Amino acid sequence: MDQVAELVRVARQRAGLTQEALASRMTEAGEPTSRSQVSMWEMGAPSGHMPSTAKLLAIFEVTRSVHQSRDAVEHRIADLEAQLAKLRMELGR
């Protein structure tokens, strides 16, 4: 859970977004989200709140870098995106 919290926080910060701006972008992308949800996700294990697979994919989509070069965090996010997409396909979504 702490890894997911870190990925959400890093993706948001890398994109230069506030929690409110991330929630707004996600809502615009079809995944209604509030700032408080983003905050809970970023708190990780103590809060016990995790974003759904659809929400994680939306986070990664709206925070995706437009630059071709990727740092280590972006590689971790890309790997998680691929794993989530595979899981989503396996679940028939």
PDB file of N, CA and C in Angstrom:
ATOM      1  N   MET A   1       0.808  -1.192   0.000  1.00  0.00           N
ATOM      2  CA  MET A   1       0.000   0.000   0.000  1.00  0.00           C
ATOM      3  C   MET A   1       0.856   1.263   0.000  1.00  0.00           C
ATOM      4  N   ASP A   2       1.965   1.240   0.764  1.00  0.00           N
ATOM      5  CA  ASP A   2       2.818   2.414   0.809  1.00  0.00           C
ATOM      6  C   ASP A   2       3.436   2.715  -0.553  1.00  0.00           C
ATOM      7  N   GLN A   3       3.698   1.673  -1.346  1.00  0.00           N
ATOM      8  CA  GLN A   3       4.246   1.882  -2.687  1.00  0.00           C
ATOM      9  C   GLN A   3       3.229   2.572  -3.578  1.00  0.00           C
ATOM     10  N   VAL A   4       1.966   2.203  -3.457  1.00  0.00           N
ATOM     11  CA  VAL A   4       0.918   2.855  -4.249  1.00  0.00           C
ATOM     12  C   VAL A   4       0.797   4.308  -3.822  1.00  0.00           C
ATOM     13  N   ALA A   5       0.819   4.560  -2.521  1.00  0.00           N
ATOM     14  CA  ALA A   5       0.747   5.935  -2.016  1.00  0.00           C
ATOM     15  C   ALA A   5       1.890   6.770  -2.582  1.00  0.00           C
ATOM     16  N   GLU A   6       3.083   6.189  -2.579  1.00  0.00           N
ATOM     17  CA  GLU A   6       4.247   6.894  -3.110  1.00  0.00           C
ATOM     18  C   GLU A   6       4.093   7.162  -4.607  1.00  0.00           C
ATOM     19  N   LEU A   7       3.617   6.180  -5.346  1.00  0.00           N
ATOM     20  CA  LEU A   7       3.440   6.359  -6.786  1.00  0.00           C
ATOM     21  C   LEU A   7       2.424   7.459  -7.097  1.00  0.00           C
ATOM     22  N   VAL A   8       1.336   7.486  -6.346  1.00  0.00           N
ATOM     23  CA  VAL A   8       0.324   8.530  -6.559  1.00  0.00           C
ATOM     24  C   VAL A   8       0.940   9.899  -6.284  1.00  0.00           C
ATOM     25  N   ARG A   9       1.612  10.035  -5.148  1.00  0.00           N
ATOM     26  CA  ARG A   9       2.217  11.313  -4.764  1.00  0.00           C
ATOM     27  C   ARG A   9       3.286  11.747  -5.770  1.00  0.00           C
ATOM     28  N   VAL A  10       4.150  10.828  -6.150  1.00  0.00           N
ATOM     29  CA  VAL A  10       5.235  11.170  -7.082  1.00  0.00           C
ATOM     30  C   VAL A  10       4.673  11.537  -8.454  1.00  0.00           C
ATOM     31  N   ALA A  11       3.689  10.785  -8.930  1.00  0.00           N
ATOM     32  CA  ALA A  11       3.090  11.096 -10.235  1.00  0.00           C
ATOM     33  C   ALA A  11       2.467  12.484 -10.217  1.00  0.00           C
ATOM     34  N   ARG A  12       1.766  12.803  -9.137  1.00  0.00           N
ATOM     35  CA  ARG A  12       1.122  14.122  -9.021  1.00  0.00           C
ATOM     36  C   ARG A  12       2.169  15.227  -8.971  1.00  0.00           C
ATOM     37  N   GLN A  13       3.174  15.044  -8.123  1.00  0.00           N
ATOM     38  CA  GLN A  13       4.209  16.065  -7.982  1.00  0.00           C
ATOM     39  C   GLN A  13       5.021  16.229  -9.261  1.00  0.00           C
ATOM     40  N   ARG A  14       5.323  15.130  -9.917  1.00  0.00           N
ATOM     41  CA  ARG A  14       6.081  15.180 -11.173  1.00  0.00           C
ATOM     42  C   ARG A  14       5.344  15.990 -12.225  1.00  0.00           C
ATOM     43  N   ALA A  15       4.026  15.896 -12.202  1.00  0.00           N
ATOM     44  CA  ALA A  15       3.208  16.654 -13.156  1.00  0.00           C
ATOM     45  C   ALA A  15       2.990  18.093 -12.702  1.00  0.00           C
ATOM     46  N   GLY A  16       3.461  18.432 -11.497  1.00  0.00           N
ATOM     47  CA  GLY A  16       3.320  19.794 -10.993  1.00  0.00           C
ATOM     48  C   GLY A  16       1.895  20.133 -10.588  1.00  0.00           C
ATOM     49  N   LEU A  17       1.150  19.125 -10.130  1.00  0.00           N
ATOM     50  CA  LEU A  17      -0.252  19.319  -9.785  1.00  0.00           C
ATOM     51  C   LEU A  17      -0.461  19.336  -8.276  1.00  0.00           C
ATOM     52  N   THR A  18      -1.432  20.130  -7.843  1.00  0.00           N
ATOM     53  CA  THR A  18      -1.898  20.047  -6.473  1.00  0.00           C
ATOM     54  C   THR A  18      -2.845  18.857  -6.387  1.00  0.00           C
ATOM     55  N   GLN A  19      -3.204  18.479  -5.172  1.00  0.00           N
ATOM     56  CA  GLN A  19      -4.183  17.402  -5.022  1.00  0.00           C
ATOM     57  C   GLN A  19      -5.502  17.799  -5.680  1.00  0.00           C
ATOM     58  N   GLU A  20      -5.894  19.048  -5.528  1.00  0.00           N
ATOM     59  CA  GLU A  20      -7.135  19.549  -6.127  1.00  0.00           C
ATOM     60  C   GLU A  20      -7.070  19.480  -7.659  1.00  0.00           C
ATOM     61  N   ALA A  21      -5.927  19.874  -8.234  1.00  0.00           N
ATOM     62  CA  ALA A  21      -5.777  19.853  -9.689  1.00  0.00           C
ATOM     63  C   ALA A  21      -5.798  18.425 -10.225  1.00  0.00           C
ATOM     64  N   LEU A  22      -5.164  17.498  -9.503  1.00  0.00           N
ATOM     65  CA  LEU A  22      -5.193  16.097  -9.926  1.00  0.00           C
ATOM     66  C   LEU A  22      -6.629  15.578  -9.910  1.00  0.00           C
ATOM     67  N   ALA A  23      -7.356  15.861  -8.838  1.00  0.00           N
ATOM     68  CA  ALA A  23      -8.753  15.427  -8.738  1.00  0.00           C
ATOM     69  C   ALA A  23      -9.581  16.005  -9.880  1.00  0.00           C
ATOM     70  N   SER A  24      -9.350  17.249 -10.206  1.00  0.00           N
ATOM     71  CA  SER A  24     -10.081  17.897 -11.301  1.00  0.00           C
ATOM     72  C   SER A  24      -9.779  17.238 -12.641  1.00  0.00           C
ATOM     73  N   ARG A  25      -8.496  16.991 -12.910  1.00  0.00           N
ATOM     74  CA  ARG A  25      -8.116  16.333 -14.171  1.00  0.00           C
ATOM     75  C   ARG A  25      -8.717  14.935 -14.277  1.00  0.00           C
ATOM     76  N   MET A  26      -8.718  14.213 -13.157  1.00  0.00           N
ATOM     77  CA  MET A  26      -9.283  12.865 -13.170  1.00  0.00           C
ATOM     78  C   MET A  26     -10.780  12.909 -13.438  1.00  0.00           C
ATOM     79  N   THR A  27     -11.469  13.869 -12.830  1.00  0.00           N
ATOM     80  CA  THR A  27     -12.901  14.025 -13.054  1.00  0.00           C
ATOM     81  C   THR A  27     -13.162  14.341 -14.521  1.00  0.00           C
ATOM     82  N   GLU A  28     -12.362  15.233 -15.097  1.00  0.00           N
ATOM     83  CA  GLU A  28     -12.497  15.574 -16.513  1.00  0.00           C
ATOM     84  C   GLU A  28     -12.241  14.355 -17.404  1.00  0.00           C
ATOM     85  N   ALA A  29     -11.382  13.448 -16.948  1.00  0.00           N
ATOM     86  CA  ALA A  29     -11.050  12.247 -17.718  1.00  0.00           C
ATOM     87  C   ALA A  29     -12.079  11.130 -17.528  1.00  0.00           C
ATOM     88  N   GLY A  30     -13.131  11.411 -16.757  1.00  0.00           N
ATOM     89  CA  GLY A  30     -14.193  10.420 -16.593  1.00  0.00           C
ATOM     90  C   GLY A  30     -14.136   9.603 -15.323  1.00  0.00           C
ATOM     91  N   GLU A  31     -13.224   9.946 -14.415  1.00  0.00           N
ATOM     92  CA  GLU A  31     -13.108   9.257 -13.125  1.00  0.00           C
ATOM     93  C   GLU A  31     -13.357  10.280 -12.021  1.00  0.00           C
ATOM     94  N   PRO A  32     -14.628  10.527 -11.667  1.00  0.00           N
ATOM     95  CA  PRO A  32     -14.925  11.537 -10.642  1.00  0.00           C
ATOM     96  C   PRO A  32     -14.112  11.296  -9.369  1.00  0.00           C
ATOM     97  N   THR A  33     -13.399  12.351  -8.948  1.00  0.00           N
ATOM     98  CA  THR A  33     -12.475  12.242  -7.828  1.00  0.00           C
ATOM     99  C   THR A  33     -12.479  13.550  -7.048  1.00  0.00           C
ATOM    100  N   SER A  34     -12.352  13.443  -5.744  1.00  0.00           N
ATOM    101  CA  SER A  34     -12.270  14.638  -4.900  1.00  0.00           C
ATOM    102  C   SER A  34     -10.842  14.809  -4.379  1.00  0.00           C
ATOM    103  N   ARG A  35     -10.529  16.014  -3.921  1.00  0.00           N
ATOM    104  CA  ARG A  35      -9.217  16.281  -3.350  1.00  0.00           C
ATOM    105  C   ARG A  35      -8.990  15.406  -2.125  1.00  0.00           C
ATOM    106  N   SER A  36     -10.029  15.192  -1.336  1.00  0.00           N
ATOM    107  CA  SER A  36      -9.866  14.375  -0.132  1.00  0.00           C
ATOM    108  C   SER A  36      -9.530  12.921  -0.478  1.00  0.00           C
ATOM    109  N   GLN A  37     -10.047  12.416  -1.606  1.00  0.00           N
ATOM    110  CA  GLN A  37      -9.682  11.060  -2.029  1.00  0.00           C
ATOM    111  C   GLN A  37      -8.189  10.990  -2.345  1.00  0.00           C
ATOM    112  N   VAL A  38      -7.704  11.987  -3.096  1.00  0.00           N
ATOM    113  CA  VAL A  38      -6.279  12.019  -3.440  1.00  0.00           C
ATOM    114  C   VAL A  38      -5.450  12.060  -2.162  1.00  0.00           C
ATOM    115  N   SER A  39      -5.849  12.882  -1.212  1.00  0.00           N
ATOM    116  CA  SER A  39      -5.129  12.990   0.051  1.00  0.00           C
ATOM    117  C   SER A  39      -5.083  11.649   0.774  1.00  0.00           C
ATOM    118  N   MET A  40      -6.212  10.955   0.842  1.00  0.00           N
ATOM    119  CA  MET A  40      -6.249   9.643   1.517  1.00  0.00           C
ATOM    120  C   MET A  40      -5.353   8.635   0.817  1.00  0.00           C
ATOM    121  N   TRP A  41      -5.354   8.634  -0.521  1.00  0.00           N
ATOM    122  CA  TRP A  41      -4.496   7.703  -1.258  1.00  0.00           C
ATOM    123  C   TRP A  41      -3.035   7.959  -0.946  1.00  0.00           C
ATOM    124  N   GLU A  42      -2.669   9.244  -0.859  1.00  0.00           N
ATOM    125  CA  GLU A  42      -1.275   9.598  -0.614  1.00  0.00           C
ATOM    126  C   GLU A  42      -0.838   9.294   0.815  1.00  0.00           C
ATOM    127  N   MET A  43      -1.774   9.160   1.739  1.00  0.00           N
ATOM    128  CA  MET A  43      -1.426   8.811   3.121  1.00  0.00           C
ATOM    129  C   MET A  43      -1.015   7.349   3.220  1.00  0.00           C
ATOM    130  N   GLY A  44      -1.528   6.517   2.335  1.00  0.00           N
ATOM    131  CA  GLY A  44      -1.120   5.129   2.290  1.00  0.00           C
ATOM    132  C   GLY A  44      -1.656   4.267   3.403  1.00  0.00           C
ATOM    133  N   ALA A  45      -0.811   3.387   3.902  1.00  0.00           N
ATOM    134  CA  ALA A  45      -1.203   2.321   4.826  1.00  0.00           C
ATOM    135  C   ALA A  45      -2.005   2.764   6.050  1.00  0.00           C
ATOM    136  N   PRO A  46      -1.614   3.830   6.759  1.00  0.00           N
ATOM    137  CA  PRO A  46      -2.381   4.162   7.959  1.00  0.00           C
ATOM    138  C   PRO A  46      -3.861   4.448   7.687  1.00  0.00           C
ATOM    139  N   SER A  47      -4.161   5.067   6.557  1.00  0.00           N
ATOM    140  CA  SER A  47      -5.552   5.395   6.259  1.00  0.00           C
ATOM    141  C   SER A  47      -6.298   4.186   5.702  1.00  0.00           C
ATOM    142  N   GLY A  48      -5.561   3.262   5.095  1.00  0.00           N
ATOM    143  CA  GLY A  48      -6.179   2.066   4.536  1.00  0.00           C
ATOM    144  C   GLY A  48      -6.902   2.285   3.228  1.00  0.00           C
ATOM    145  N   HIS A  49      -6.812   3.481   2.677  1.00  0.00           N
ATOM    146  CA  HIS A  49      -7.521   3.788   1.430  1.00  0.00           C
ATOM    147  C   HIS A  49      -6.608   3.582   0.227  1.00  0.00           C
ATOM    148  N   MET A  50      -7.141   2.870  -0.754  1.00  0.00           N
ATOM    149  CA  MET A  50      -6.401   2.607  -1.984  1.00  0.00           C
ATOM    150  C   MET A  50      -7.271   3.001  -3.173  1.00  0.00           C
ATOM    151  N   PRO A  51      -6.670   3.583  -4.200  1.00  0.00           N
ATOM    152  CA  PRO A  51      -7.452   3.874  -5.401  1.00  0.00           C
ATOM    153  C   PRO A  51      -7.782   2.578  -6.138  1.00  0.00           C
ATOM    154  N   SER A  52      -8.920   2.570  -6.806  1.00  0.00           N
ATOM    155  CA  SER A  52      -9.279   1.412  -7.620  1.00  0.00           C
ATOM    156  C   SER A  52      -8.329   1.329  -8.813  1.00  0.00           C
ATOM    157  N   THR A  53      -8.376   0.227  -9.505  1.00  0.00           N
ATOM    158  CA  THR A  53      -7.551   0.060 -10.704  1.00  0.00           C
ATOM    159  C   THR A  53      -7.871   1.144 -11.725  1.00  0.00           C
ATOM    160  N   ALA A  54      -9.139   1.426 -11.924  1.00  0.00           N
ATOM    161  CA  ALA A  54      -9.540   2.468 -12.875  1.00  0.00           C
ATOM    162  C   ALA A  54      -8.982   3.829 -12.456  1.00  0.00           C
ATOM    163  N   LYS A  55      -9.022   4.118 -11.167  1.00  0.00           N
ATOM    164  CA  LYS A  55      -8.495   5.395 -10.671  1.00  0.00           C
ATOM    165  C   LYS A  55      -6.978   5.466 -10.862  1.00  0.00           C
ATOM    166  N   LEU A  56      -6.274   4.358 -10.586  1.00  0.00           N
ATOM    167  CA  LEU A  56      -4.827   4.353 -10.796  1.00  0.00           C
ATOM    168  C   LEU A  56      -4.475   4.611 -12.252  1.00  0.00           C
ATOM    169  N   LEU A  57      -5.183   3.954 -13.142  1.00  0.00           N
ATOM    170  CA  LEU A  57      -4.919   4.170 -14.567  1.00  0.00           C
ATOM    171  C   LEU A  57      -5.184   5.619 -14.946  1.00  0.00           C
ATOM    172  N   ALA A  58      -6.241   6.210 -14.394  1.00  0.00           N
ATOM    173  CA  ALA A  58      -6.550   7.616 -14.675  1.00  0.00           C
ATOM    174  C   ALA A  58      -5.449   8.528 -14.127  1.00  0.00           C
ATOM    175  N   ILE A  59      -4.954   8.224 -12.931  1.00  0.00           N
ATOM    176  CA  ILE A  59      -3.861   9.024 -12.351  1.00  0.00           C
ATOM    177  C   ILE A  59      -2.670   9.023 -13.295  1.00  0.00           C
ATOM    178  N   PHE A  60      -2.284   7.832 -13.738  1.00  0.00           N
ATOM    179  CA  PHE A  60      -1.120   7.727 -14.611  1.00  0.00           C
ATOM    180  C   PHE A  60      -1.355   8.411 -15.959  1.00  0.00           C
ATOM    181  N   GLU A  61      -2.565   8.337 -16.450  1.00  0.00           N
ATOM    182  CA  GLU A  61      -2.877   8.966 -17.740  1.00  0.00           C
ATOM    183  C   GLU A  61      -2.821  10.489 -17.645  1.00  0.00           C
ATOM    184  N   VAL A  62      -3.428  11.059 -16.621  1.00  0.00           N
ATOM    185  CA  VAL A  62      -3.486  12.524 -16.545  1.00  0.00           C
ATOM    186  C   VAL A  62      -2.189  13.149 -16.057  1.00  0.00           C
ATOM    187  N   THR A  63      -1.268  12.341 -15.530  1.00  0.00           N
ATOM    188  CA  THR A  63       0.020  12.877 -15.080  1.00  0.00           C
ATOM    189  C   THR A  63       1.171  12.463 -15.986  1.00  0.00           C
ATOM    190  N   ARG A  64       0.850  11.787 -17.077  1.00  0.00           N
ATOM    191  CA  ARG A  64       1.890  11.281 -17.989  1.00  0.00           C
ATOM    192  C   ARG A  64       2.764  12.418 -18.516  1.00  0.00           C
ATOM    193  N   SER A  65       4.052  12.177 -18.521  1.00  0.00           N
ATOM    194  CA  SER A  65       5.006  13.149 -19.034  1.00  0.00           C
ATOM    195  C   SER A  65       4.942  13.187 -20.555  1.00  0.00           C
ATOM    196  N   VAL A  66       5.045  14.379 -21.110  1.00  0.00           N
ATOM    197  CA  VAL A  66       5.056  14.517 -22.565  1.00  0.00           C
ATOM    198  C   VAL A  66       6.471  14.368 -23.120  1.00  0.00           C
ATOM    199  N   HIS A  67       7.452  14.265 -22.230  1.00  0.00           N
ATOM    200  CA  HIS A  67       8.842  14.135 -22.656  1.00  0.00           C
ATOM    201  C   HIS A  67       9.191  12.667 -22.898  1.00  0.00           C
ATOM    202  N   GLN A  68      10.041  12.423 -23.856  1.00  0.00           N
ATOM    203  CA  GLN A  68      10.428  11.059 -24.195  1.00  0.00           C
ATOM    204  C   GLN A  68      11.350  10.442 -23.151  1.00  0.00           C
ATOM    205  N   SER A  69      12.207  11.249 -22.542  1.00  0.00           N
ATOM    206  CA  SER A  69      13.118  10.689 -21.537  1.00  0.00           C
ATOM    207  C   SER A  69      12.335  10.412 -20.255  1.00  0.00           C
ATOM    208  N   ARG A  70      12.644   9.264 -19.646  1.00  0.00           N
ATOM    209  CA  ARG A  70      11.942   8.863 -18.420  1.00  0.00           C
ATOM    210  C   ARG A  70      12.949   8.575 -17.333  1.00  0.00           C
ATOM    211  N   ASP A  71      12.636   9.035 -16.139  1.00  0.00           N
ATOM    212  CA  ASP A  71      13.516   8.733 -15.020  1.00  0.00           C
ATOM    213  C   ASP A  71      13.066   7.435 -14.360  1.00  0.00           C
ATOM    214  N   ALA A  72      13.728   7.043 -13.282  1.00  0.00           N
ATOM    215  CA  ALA A  72      13.435   5.762 -12.639  1.00  0.00           C
ATOM    216  C   ALA A  72      12.003   5.682 -12.133  1.00  0.00           C
ATOM    217  N   VAL A  73      11.469   6.777 -11.623  1.00  0.00           N
ATOM    218  CA  VAL A  73      10.096   6.767 -11.118  1.00  0.00           C
ATOM    219  C   VAL A  73       9.120   6.543 -12.266  1.00  0.00           C
ATOM    220  N   GLU A  74       9.371   7.181 -13.388  1.00  0.00           N
ATOM    221  CA  GLU A  74       8.488   6.998 -14.535  1.00  0.00           C
ATOM    222  C   GLU A  74       8.525   5.550 -15.028  1.00  0.00           C
ATOM    223  N   HIS A  75       9.684   4.919 -14.958  1.00  0.00           N
ATOM    224  CA  HIS A  75       9.768   3.502 -15.329  1.00  0.00           C
ATOM    225  C   HIS A  75       8.948   2.642 -14.374  1.00  0.00           C
ATOM    226  N   ARG A  76       9.003   2.955 -13.078  1.00  0.00           N
ATOM    227  CA  ARG A  76       8.202   2.211 -12.105  1.00  0.00           C
ATOM    228  C   ARG A  76       6.709   2.392 -12.390  1.00  0.00           C
ATOM    229  N   ILE A  77       6.330   3.618 -12.713  1.00  0.00           N
ATOM    230  CA  ILE A  77       4.926   3.892 -13.023  1.00  0.00           C
ATOM    231  C   ILE A  77       4.512   3.144 -14.283  1.00  0.00           C
ATOM    232  N   ALA A  78       5.347   3.156 -15.300  1.00  0.00           N
ATOM    233  CA  ALA A  78       5.038   2.448 -16.541  1.00  0.00           C
ATOM    234  C   ALA A  78       4.881   0.948 -16.294  1.00  0.00           C
ATOM    235  N   ASP A  79       5.752   0.388 -15.460  1.00  0.00           N
ATOM    236  CA  ASP A  79       5.645  -1.037 -15.131  1.00  0.00           C
ATOM    237  C   ASP A  79       4.335  -1.328 -14.415  1.00  0.00           C
ATOM    238  N   LEU A  80       3.967  -0.474 -13.466  1.00  0.00           N
ATOM    239  CA  LEU A  80       2.715  -0.670 -12.740  1.00  0.00           C
ATOM    240  C   LEU A  80       1.515  -0.519 -13.669  1.00  0.00           C
ATOM    241  N   GLU A  81       1.581   0.445 -14.571  1.00  0.00           N
ATOM    242  CA  GLU A  81       0.502   0.622 -15.549  1.00  0.00           C
ATOM    243  C   GLU A  81       0.312  -0.655 -16.370  1.00  0.00           C
ATOM    244  N   ALA A  82       1.419  -1.232 -16.814  1.00  0.00           N
ATOM    245  CA  ALA A  82       1.341  -2.456 -17.617  1.00  0.00           C
ATOM    246  C   ALA A  82       0.741  -3.601 -16.801  1.00  0.00           C
ATOM    247  N   GLN A  83       1.149  -3.717 -15.554  1.00  0.00           N
ATOM    248  CA  GLN A  83       0.606  -4.768 -14.693  1.00  0.00           C
ATOM    249  C   GLN A  83      -0.887  -4.562 -14.452  1.00  0.00           C
ATOM    250  N   LEU A  84      -1.287  -3.308 -14.224  1.00  0.00           N
ATOM    251  CA  LEU A  84      -2.698  -3.010 -13.990  1.00  0.00           C
ATOM    252  C   LEU A  84      -3.534  -3.261 -15.239  1.00  0.00           C
ATOM    253  N   ALA A  85      -3.005  -2.900 -16.393  1.00  0.00           N
ATOM    254  CA  ALA A  85      -3.732  -3.146 -17.648  1.00  0.00           C
ATOM    255  C   ALA A  85      -3.922  -4.643 -17.870  1.00  0.00           C
ATOM    256  N   LYS A  86      -2.876  -5.418 -17.573  1.00  0.00           N
ATOM    257  CA  LYS A  86      -2.964  -6.867 -17.719  1.00  0.00           C
ATOM    258  C   LYS A  86      -4.007  -7.434 -16.767  1.00  0.00           C
ATOM    259  N   LEU A  87      -3.977  -6.967 -15.518  1.00  0.00           N
ATOM    260  CA  LEU A  87      -4.954  -7.421 -14.537  1.00  0.00           C
ATOM    261  C   LEU A  87      -6.360  -7.054 -14.960  1.00  0.00           C
ATOM    262  N   ARG A  88      -6.524  -5.866 -15.474  1.00  0.00           N
ATOM    263  CA  ARG A  88      -7.838  -5.415 -15.936  1.00  0.00           C
ATOM    264  C   ARG A  88      -8.352  -6.317 -17.057  1.00  0.00           C
ATOM    265  N   MET A  89      -7.488  -6.699 -17.976  1.00  0.00           N
ATOM    266  CA  MET A  89      -7.885  -7.574 -19.079  1.00  0.00           C
ATOM    267  C   MET A  89      -8.259  -8.958 -18.546  1.00  0.00           C
ATOM    268  N   GLU A  90      -7.480  -9.435 -17.573  1.00  0.00           N
ATOM    269  CA  GLU A  90      -7.758 -10.752 -16.990  1.00  0.00           C
ATOM    270  C   GLU A  90      -9.093 -10.766 -16.252  1.00  0.00           C
ATOM    271  N   LEU A  91      -9.452  -9.627 -15.689  1.00  0.00           N
ATOM    272  CA  LEU A  91     -10.717  -9.530 -14.959  1.00  0.00           C
ATOM    273  C   LEU A  91     -11.898  -9.262 -15.886  1.00  0.00           C
ATOM    274  N   GLY A  92     -11.607  -9.084 -17.164  1.00  0.00           N
ATOM    275  CA  GLY A  92     -12.664  -8.888 -18.156  1.00  0.00           C
ATOM    276  C   GLY A  92     -13.289  -7.519 -18.162  1.00  0.00           C
ATOM    277  N   ARG A  93     -12.520  -6.508 -17.789  1.00  0.00           N
ATOM    278  CA  ARG A  93     -13.037  -5.141 -17.770  1.00  0.00           C
ATOM    279  C   ARG A  93     -12.690  -4.420 -19.023  1.00  0.00           C
TER     280      ARG A  93
END
